[in-house]
Each structure stands twice: as C-alpha cells, then as structure tokens.
Protein backbone atom coordinates (compact mmCIF):
# COMPACT_ATOMS: atom_id res chain seq x y z
CA UNK A 1 -4.20 -18.78 -0.29
CA UNK A 2 -6.71 -16.71 1.62
CA UNK A 3 -9.52 -15.31 -0.52
CA UNK A 4 -10.67 -11.75 0.06
CA UNK A 5 -13.24 -9.41 -1.39
CA UNK A 6 -12.41 -5.73 -1.81
CA UNK A 7 -14.77 -3.10 -0.45
CA UNK A 8 -15.48 0.32 -1.87
CA UNK A 9 -13.48 3.24 -0.47
CA UNK A 10 -16.35 4.30 1.79
CA UNK A 11 -17.10 0.86 3.17
CA UNK A 12 -15.63 -0.74 6.25
CA UNK A 13 -15.69 -4.11 7.89
CA UNK A 14 -16.24 -4.52 11.58
CA UNK A 15 -14.75 -7.43 13.45
CA UNK A 16 -14.63 -8.29 17.10
CA UNK A 17 -11.14 -8.36 18.46
CA UNK A 18 -10.08 -8.89 21.84
CA UNK A 19 -8.70 -7.69 24.71
CA UNK A 20 -9.22 -9.54 27.86
CA UNK A 21 -6.31 -11.94 27.82
CA UNK A 22 -2.80 -11.39 26.57
CA UNK A 23 -2.30 -12.15 22.83
CA UNK A 24 0.55 -12.67 20.56
CA UNK A 25 3.39 -10.19 20.63
CA UNK A 26 3.50 -9.72 24.41
CA UNK A 27 1.23 -6.66 24.59
CA UNK A 28 -0.33 -5.89 27.96
CA UNK A 29 -3.75 -7.16 28.94
CA UNK A 30 -6.74 -5.02 29.74
CA UNK A 31 -9.07 -2.68 27.94
CA UNK A 32 -12.77 -2.13 27.59
CA UNK A 33 -14.98 -4.31 25.43
CA UNK A 34 -16.69 -1.16 24.16
CA UNK A 35 -13.45 0.28 22.77
CA UNK A 36 -13.26 1.06 19.05
CA UNK A 37 -10.10 0.87 16.91
CA UNK A 38 -10.06 2.22 13.37
CA UNK A 39 -7.77 1.20 10.49
CA UNK A 40 -8.01 3.08 7.19
CA UNK A 41 -5.92 4.12 4.21
CA UNK A 42 -4.44 2.30 1.22
CA UNK A 43 -6.51 -0.12 -0.86
CA UNK A 44 -3.24 -2.00 -1.45
CA UNK A 45 -2.76 -2.56 2.28
CA UNK A 46 -6.47 -3.21 2.85
CA UNK A 47 -6.41 -7.01 2.27
CA UNK A 48 -3.54 -7.41 4.73
CA UNK A 49 -5.21 -5.24 7.38
CA UNK A 50 -8.48 -7.08 6.84
CA UNK A 51 -6.72 -10.43 7.27
CA UNK A 52 -4.96 -9.20 10.43
CA UNK A 53 -8.20 -7.90 11.94
CA UNK A 54 -10.05 -11.14 11.23
CA UNK A 55 -7.22 -13.33 12.55
CA UNK A 56 -6.88 -11.14 15.64
CA UNK A 57 -10.58 -11.54 16.30
CA UNK A 58 -10.41 -15.30 15.91
CA UNK A 59 -7.40 -15.59 18.23
CA UNK A 60 -8.98 -13.70 21.12
CA UNK A 61 -12.09 -13.61 23.27
CA UNK A 62 -13.98 -10.54 24.12
CA UNK A 63 -14.27 -7.33 22.40
CA UNK A 64 -12.85 -4.19 20.90
CA UNK A 65 -14.56 -3.21 17.68
CA UNK A 66 -12.02 -2.94 14.84
CA UNK A 67 -13.10 -1.31 11.58
CA UNK A 68 -11.06 -1.55 8.39
CA UNK A 69 -11.68 0.91 5.55
CA UNK A 70 -9.93 1.92 2.34
CA UNK A 71 -9.91 5.67 1.74
CA UNK A 72 -6.65 5.53 -0.22
CA UNK A 73 -3.24 6.47 1.17
CA UNK A 74 -3.77 10.22 0.81
CA UNK A 75 -7.35 10.18 2.06
CA UNK A 76 -6.38 7.93 4.94
CA UNK A 77 -3.54 10.23 6.04
CA UNK A 78 -5.98 13.16 6.16
CA UNK A 79 -8.10 11.19 8.65
CA UNK A 80 -5.06 9.91 10.53
CA UNK A 81 -3.53 13.37 10.93
CA UNK A 82 -6.85 14.64 12.32
CA UNK A 83 -6.75 11.91 14.96
CA UNK A 84 -9.78 10.09 13.52
CA UNK A 85 -8.01 6.74 13.07
CA UNK A 86 -5.40 4.84 15.06
CA UNK A 87 -3.87 2.81 12.18
CA UNK A 88 -3.07 4.07 8.68
CA UNK A 89 -2.27 1.75 5.80
CA UNK A 90 -0.01 3.33 3.19
CA UNK A 91 1.46 2.15 -0.10
CA UNK A 92 4.17 4.83 0.13
CA UNK A 93 5.88 6.68 3.00
CA UNK A 94 4.28 9.66 4.69
CA UNK A 95 4.91 12.84 2.69
CA UNK A 96 6.19 16.20 3.93
CA UNK A 97 2.77 17.88 3.82
CA UNK A 98 1.26 14.98 5.78
CA UNK A 99 4.07 15.18 8.34
CA UNK A 100 3.31 18.87 8.74
CA UNK A 101 -0.44 18.23 9.11
CA UNK A 102 0.18 15.58 11.78
CA UNK A 103 2.62 17.88 13.63
CA UNK A 104 0.14 20.74 13.60
CA UNK A 105 -2.51 18.47 15.14
CA UNK A 106 -0.07 17.03 17.70
CA UNK A 107 -0.21 13.56 16.14
CA UNK A 108 2.94 11.45 16.43
CA UNK A 109 3.21 8.19 14.51
CA UNK A 110 5.15 4.94 14.54
CA UNK A 111 6.20 3.94 11.01
CA UNK A 112 6.13 0.22 10.22
CA UNK A 113 7.11 -1.14 6.80
CA UNK A 114 5.01 -4.27 6.99
CA UNK A 115 5.49 -6.29 3.77
CA UNK A 116 6.81 -6.12 0.22
CA UNK A 117 4.60 -5.54 -2.81
CA UNK A 118 5.32 -5.53 -6.52
CA UNK A 119 3.23 -3.05 -8.47
CA UNK A 120 1.84 -5.24 -11.25
CA UNK A 121 0.95 -4.07 -14.77
CA UNK A 122 -1.79 -6.22 -16.27
CA UNK A 123 -3.47 -6.72 -19.65
CA UNK A 124 -6.36 -8.76 -20.99
CA UNK A 125 -5.34 -12.43 -21.45
CA UNK A 126 -6.15 -12.23 -25.18
CA UNK A 127 -3.50 -9.52 -25.62
CA UNK A 128 -0.41 -11.20 -27.14
CA UNK A 129 1.94 -8.74 -25.44
CA UNK A 130 3.98 -10.38 -22.69
CA UNK A 131 6.34 -7.66 -21.53
CA UNK A 132 7.16 -3.96 -21.52
CA UNK A 133 10.08 -1.79 -20.57
CA UNK A 134 9.85 1.11 -18.16
CA UNK A 135 10.53 3.41 -21.13
CA UNK A 136 7.55 1.95 -23.01
CA UNK A 137 5.31 2.33 -19.99
CA UNK A 138 6.47 5.93 -19.70
CA UNK A 139 5.45 6.61 -23.31
CA UNK A 140 1.99 5.21 -22.58
CA UNK A 141 1.42 7.04 -19.28
CA UNK A 142 3.32 10.34 -19.36
CA UNK A 143 1.34 13.61 -19.59
CA UNK A 144 2.49 14.13 -23.20
CA UNK A 145 0.64 10.93 -24.18
CA UNK A 146 -2.74 12.38 -23.27
CA UNK A 147 -5.06 12.41 -26.28
CA UNK A 148 -2.13 11.36 -28.49
CA UNK A 149 -1.18 7.78 -27.61
CA UNK A 150 -4.48 5.98 -28.16
CA UNK A 151 -3.32 2.73 -29.77
CA UNK A 152 -0.85 0.14 -28.50
CA UNK A 153 1.18 0.41 -31.74
CA UNK A 154 1.85 4.07 -31.05
CA UNK A 155 3.91 2.99 -28.04
CA UNK A 156 5.81 0.32 -29.96
CA UNK A 157 5.17 -0.55 -33.65
CA UNK A 158 5.49 -4.25 -32.84
CA UNK A 159 2.69 -4.11 -30.28
CA UNK A 160 -0.90 -5.12 -31.11
CA UNK A 161 -3.14 -2.92 -33.24
CA UNK A 162 -5.63 -2.29 -30.44
CA UNK A 163 -7.25 0.83 -28.99
CA UNK A 164 -5.44 1.56 -25.72
CA UNK A 165 -7.64 2.02 -22.66
CA UNK A 166 -5.98 2.69 -19.32
CA UNK A 167 -7.07 1.93 -15.77
CA UNK A 168 -5.14 2.82 -12.64
CA UNK A 169 -4.98 4.30 -9.19
CA UNK A 170 -6.70 7.52 -8.22
CA UNK A 171 -4.62 10.60 -7.50
CA UNK A 172 -5.08 10.25 -3.72
CA UNK A 173 -3.49 6.80 -3.84
CA UNK A 174 0.03 6.00 -2.76
CA UNK A 175 0.09 3.52 -5.62
CA UNK A 176 -0.44 6.45 -8.02
CA UNK A 177 2.45 8.30 -6.39
CA UNK A 178 4.78 5.31 -6.64
CA UNK A 179 3.81 4.37 -10.19
CA UNK A 180 4.23 7.88 -11.54
CA UNK A 181 7.60 8.36 -9.87
CA UNK A 182 8.94 4.92 -10.83
CA UNK A 183 7.57 4.93 -14.38
CA UNK A 184 7.13 8.55 -15.49
CA UNK A 185 9.96 9.90 -13.35
CA UNK A 186 8.01 12.43 -11.28
CA UNK A 187 5.46 11.66 -8.58
CA UNK A 188 1.89 12.62 -9.52
CA UNK A 189 2.87 13.25 -13.16
CA UNK A 190 0.49 11.31 -15.42
CA UNK A 191 -1.87 11.61 -18.31
CA UNK A 192 -5.38 12.13 -16.94
CA UNK A 193 -7.45 10.47 -19.67
CA UNK A 194 -7.59 7.13 -17.89
CA UNK A 195 -10.07 5.54 -15.47
CA UNK A 196 -8.84 6.34 -11.93
CA UNK A 197 -10.11 4.55 -8.86
CA UNK A 198 -9.34 3.97 -5.18
CA UNK A 199 -10.91 0.50 -5.52
CA UNK A 200 -8.55 -1.86 -7.35
CA UNK A 201 -11.45 -4.15 -8.23
CA UNK A 202 -12.61 -1.45 -10.65
CA UNK A 203 -9.28 -1.81 -12.45
CA UNK A 204 -9.61 -5.60 -12.41
CA UNK A 205 -13.06 -5.41 -14.00
CA UNK A 206 -11.96 -2.77 -16.49
CA UNK A 207 -9.10 -4.88 -17.80
CA UNK A 208 -11.05 -8.15 -17.72
CA UNK A 209 -13.78 -6.53 -19.81
CA UNK A 210 -11.61 -4.85 -22.44
CA UNK A 211 -9.09 -6.60 -24.76
CA UNK A 212 -7.24 -3.29 -25.28
CA UNK A 213 -6.94 -2.37 -21.62
CA UNK A 214 -3.87 -1.89 -19.42
CA UNK A 215 -4.01 -1.40 -15.66
CA UNK A 216 -1.84 -1.52 -12.57
CA UNK A 217 -2.26 -2.35 -8.89
CA UNK A 218 -0.65 -4.27 -6.02
CA UNK A 219 0.54 -7.82 -6.57
CA UNK A 220 -2.09 -9.33 -4.25
CA UNK A 221 -4.85 -8.23 -6.61
CA UNK A 222 -3.11 -9.96 -9.50
CA UNK A 223 -2.65 -13.12 -7.42
CA UNK A 224 -6.38 -13.22 -6.74
CA UNK A 225 -7.22 -12.70 -10.43
CA UNK A 226 -4.39 -14.45 -12.27
CA UNK A 227 -6.85 -16.70 -14.16
CA UNK A 228 -8.48 -13.61 -15.68
CA UNK A 229 -5.50 -11.31 -16.27
CA UNK A 230 -1.97 -11.44 -17.62
CA UNK A 231 0.90 -9.69 -15.82
CA UNK A 232 3.53 -8.08 -18.03
CA UNK A 233 7.21 -8.55 -17.37
CA UNK A 234 8.93 -5.21 -16.71
CA UNK A 235 12.40 -4.84 -18.23
CA UNK A 236 12.35 -8.61 -18.68
CA UNK A 237 11.49 -9.50 -15.06
CA UNK A 238 8.14 -11.00 -14.07
CA UNK A 239 6.55 -10.09 -10.74
CA UNK A 240 6.75 -12.99 -8.28
CA UNK A 241 7.36 -13.42 -4.56
CA UNK A 242 11.01 -14.17 -5.34
CA UNK A 243 11.69 -11.19 -7.64
CA UNK A 244 9.80 -8.83 -5.33
CA UNK A 245 11.74 -10.02 -2.27
CA UNK A 246 15.17 -9.79 -3.91
CA UNK A 247 14.47 -6.43 -5.54
CA UNK A 248 15.08 -7.57 -9.12
CA UNK A 249 11.52 -6.69 -10.12
CA UNK A 250 11.70 -2.97 -11.02
CA UNK A 251 8.39 -2.04 -9.37
CA UNK A 252 8.99 -3.74 -6.01
CA UNK A 253 8.22 -1.57 -2.97
CA UNK A 254 7.52 -1.79 0.75
CA UNK A 255 4.01 -1.16 2.06
CA UNK A 256 3.38 0.43 5.44
CA UNK A 257 1.27 0.70 8.56
CA UNK A 258 1.46 3.87 10.65
CA UNK A 259 0.17 3.78 14.22
CA UNK A 260 -0.80 6.76 16.36
CA UNK A 261 1.94 6.82 19.02
CA UNK A 262 -0.29 8.21 21.78
CA UNK A 263 -2.99 5.62 21.02
CA UNK A 264 -0.38 2.89 21.62
CA UNK A 265 -0.68 3.70 25.32
CA UNK A 266 -4.15 2.10 25.15
CA UNK A 267 -3.71 -1.63 25.90
CA UNK A 268 -5.92 -2.86 23.08
CA UNK A 269 -4.25 -0.64 20.47
CA UNK A 270 -0.83 -1.83 21.65
CA UNK A 271 -2.03 -5.42 21.51
CA UNK A 272 -3.42 -5.07 17.99
CA UNK A 273 -0.24 -3.35 16.78
CA UNK A 274 1.93 -6.10 18.26
CA UNK A 275 -0.33 -8.73 16.72
CA UNK A 276 -0.09 -7.00 13.34
CA UNK A 277 3.72 -7.00 13.42
CA UNK A 278 3.98 -10.56 14.75
CA UNK A 279 1.66 -12.01 12.11
CA UNK A 280 2.20 -9.72 9.11
CA UNK A 281 4.70 -12.06 7.45
CA UNK A 282 2.42 -15.10 7.59
CA UNK A 283 -0.70 -13.20 6.54
CA UNK A 284 1.12 -11.25 3.82
CA UNK A 285 1.91 -14.53 2.11
CA UNK A 286 -1.70 -15.66 2.43
CA UNK A 287 -3.15 -12.56 0.75
CA UNK A 288 -0.46 -12.38 -1.95
CA UNK A 289 2.30 -10.11 -0.65
CA UNK A 290 5.87 -10.90 0.38
CA UNK A 291 7.05 -11.07 3.97
CA UNK A 292 9.94 -8.98 5.30
CA UNK A 293 12.88 -10.74 7.00
CA UNK A 294 12.11 -11.96 10.53
CA UNK A 295 14.70 -9.57 11.96
CA UNK A 296 12.79 -6.63 10.52
CA UNK A 297 9.60 -7.64 12.31
CA UNK A 298 11.54 -8.02 15.56
CA UNK A 299 12.86 -4.47 15.15
CA UNK A 300 9.37 -3.15 14.46
CA UNK A 301 7.89 -4.97 17.46
CA UNK A 302 10.36 -3.07 19.66
CA UNK A 303 9.47 0.16 17.85
CA UNK A 304 5.79 -0.44 18.68
CA UNK A 305 6.45 -1.38 22.30
CA UNK A 306 8.60 1.70 22.92
CA UNK A 307 6.40 3.97 20.77
CA UNK A 308 9.38 5.16 18.70
CA UNK A 309 7.96 7.90 16.49
CA UNK A 310 9.09 9.23 13.13
CA UNK A 311 9.77 8.29 9.51
CA UNK A 312 12.91 7.01 7.83
CA UNK A 313 11.98 8.57 4.48
CA UNK A 314 12.29 12.30 5.14
CA UNK A 315 8.84 13.16 3.83
CA UNK A 316 9.24 11.96 0.26
CA UNK A 317 8.54 8.93 -1.89
CA UNK A 318 11.50 6.70 -2.69
CA UNK A 319 12.14 3.96 -5.23
CA UNK A 320 14.64 1.17 -4.65
CA UNK A 321 15.59 1.38 -0.94
CA UNK A 322 16.29 -1.97 0.76
CA UNK A 323 14.60 -2.81 4.04
CA UNK A 324 17.98 -3.10 5.81
CA UNK A 325 18.88 0.40 4.68
CA UNK A 326 15.51 1.74 5.87
CA UNK A 327 15.88 0.14 9.31
CA UNK A 328 19.37 1.64 9.74
CA UNK A 329 18.23 5.20 9.09
CA UNK A 330 17.44 7.69 11.86
CA UNK A 331 13.77 8.59 12.25
CA UNK A 332 12.49 12.14 11.87
CA UNK A 333 9.22 13.75 12.93
CA UNK A 334 10.05 17.16 11.45
CA UNK A 335 8.76 17.86 7.97
CA UNK A 336 11.47 19.11 5.61
CA UNK A 337 11.32 22.80 4.77
CA UNK A 338 9.62 23.65 1.50
CA UNK A 339 12.07 24.76 -1.19
CA UNK A 340 12.43 28.52 -1.50
CA UNK A 341 10.50 30.13 -4.31
CA UNK A 342 12.69 31.27 -7.21
CA UNK A 343 13.62 34.94 -7.08
C-alpha cells in the first residue's frame, strides 16, 4: 500500500506534471510548461489527489506545476468559487450556498464522485470497547452532551470507566458535515468541547496519545495507522473495503473532485482531469479508499471530456445514496431557493 504523509492545511506539495505528449485518458496534447494547476480542499481527498499528482508527474515528461493543498472542503470551495483553484477535493457534495457563490462568480463545475470512503471511528488500542451503535455515538457527540457526557460510562454503563476526550473534523470540513448528519441527525450539529482540526493527523496523534480518546476521519487514515489505533464497529459492522463498497457499513460515503468547467478547455487541465478519472480506482486502493465500479469512471471520463456541469445532489448533503442512483440523476447548476422565513 502506498505510504503518504499528511500536510498541514496551509501547506502544499508541488510536483511536475506533464503536458507535451498525450497521456492516459485520451486528453489532447499541448500546453505550456510554465502553466500552474491548483488542487485544494478536503483533507480526506488529499492523499488521493497527492497520489494522482505524483503518478501523473511520473507518467509524463515536461512540465505543468501542480500544487495540492488541504484547506478543508468548506475552505477549498471558497477558493474554488473565487476561481483560485481548478480542482476541488470534497468529502461531501457542494452545498446550496457554495453553488450560489460559484454562480455569482461565473464558475461552472464538473462534479466527479471519485471513490468510496468509510468514515472510521477510532479509539486507543488499550480501550476494551470494540463497537458502538449510531445511537451511542449520538449520545457522545450531540450538542446536549457538551459539558455533561465526560466519561465513557455515561454513554453506556457497560463501557470503560475512562474520561472521554474527543477529536474530530473542524467545522469547515465536509467530514464534519457528514458525521454530524449521519450520527447526530443534523448537519453541523455537534458538541463543541472537542479538539477540531482540518489535519487528520492531529486526530491520529490525539487518539494515539490518550487511552480515553475517541476520534473520527476517513478510512485511509485508519489504514495507515491501524497498528496504533482500533476502529470501532458501527451497528455491528466493521469498516473494510468490502463493507464500504457494498454499503453495509453505516458511515460509507462517496468522496468527490470538482473541476472548473472553463479551465477544462486548457489542454493540461483536461489531461490531468482525465488522468485523475482513469487512475482514481487504482490509486484509491493504494492509499486506502475503495474504487467505484469501472462503468462509473467511464461515465465520468465522458463528463470531463464534454465539460458537463452541475451537481446531482441539489445543494445538500446526503447519506446512503448508491453510485448508480447518483449517476442516473439529472445535474443542476442552480442553487435551491432558501426556505421562506416563518411569518
């Protein structure tokens, strides 16, 4: 399995990626060696984007400069909708307010679910607990637990008598949005007395260093740290490539890349996007995520080539949709109207 090292949210890697000869995916040749392409967004998607950028560089000769950063899903969309980046990694779909911001700036986007992830809840290996239900997680993480649920036994009397310390995604993270909706029941609804971060390595270190800690992040981070952490089963199902792919793991989800549709007219951007789609399945497995079906990648390669803009999610987070259902939906570029204020 490919090893990777996470960067802080403000850091970026720069790799040389080509352009002079044709590459995988059938994108057109051409482009300037001085061209710069920027990928930013989700820390969950970061290891996959990093792997794609490095493999793209190794497969080509010549030179566009590709930078890969991790500002979080929300922070990345702010940059993307200002036209500052060409690729946006996201651990949830684009939201209505982000659709509106992109529309106001004249930014159209091609939405590409790129792999499956299973949000993984981890504890210190000395913790005897081996599983939790969604209801138990809700009791630990809901706003009402703040300042009240401070010991594992307060969640379940059979759980260890340990001080409970929580680590998780920052509020600008798509992982935070997904976890709160899937676990608490409402996106962005969470107790705030936990350690939030856009860098999942902070959560890794927090849980590794504290026998009473609980944290959550994308499955790839667990895969890279499985000797130091224990993953809880959720409603009796352990996270694994098989349970994530078949949807039986309750916290399975797609992760995304969004590409600026106008930028896809630039040969090197088109080439990198095609390379990303053509190699995402292979590289997802190497960094610890789960590939989509081959037919899905074929559909998304056509979407990139034809610059088909829009989202299949209507501007809101969603739990439990299959990839076949998502592909069959019409795409929309119009943000849904905000609900009317109560009279």
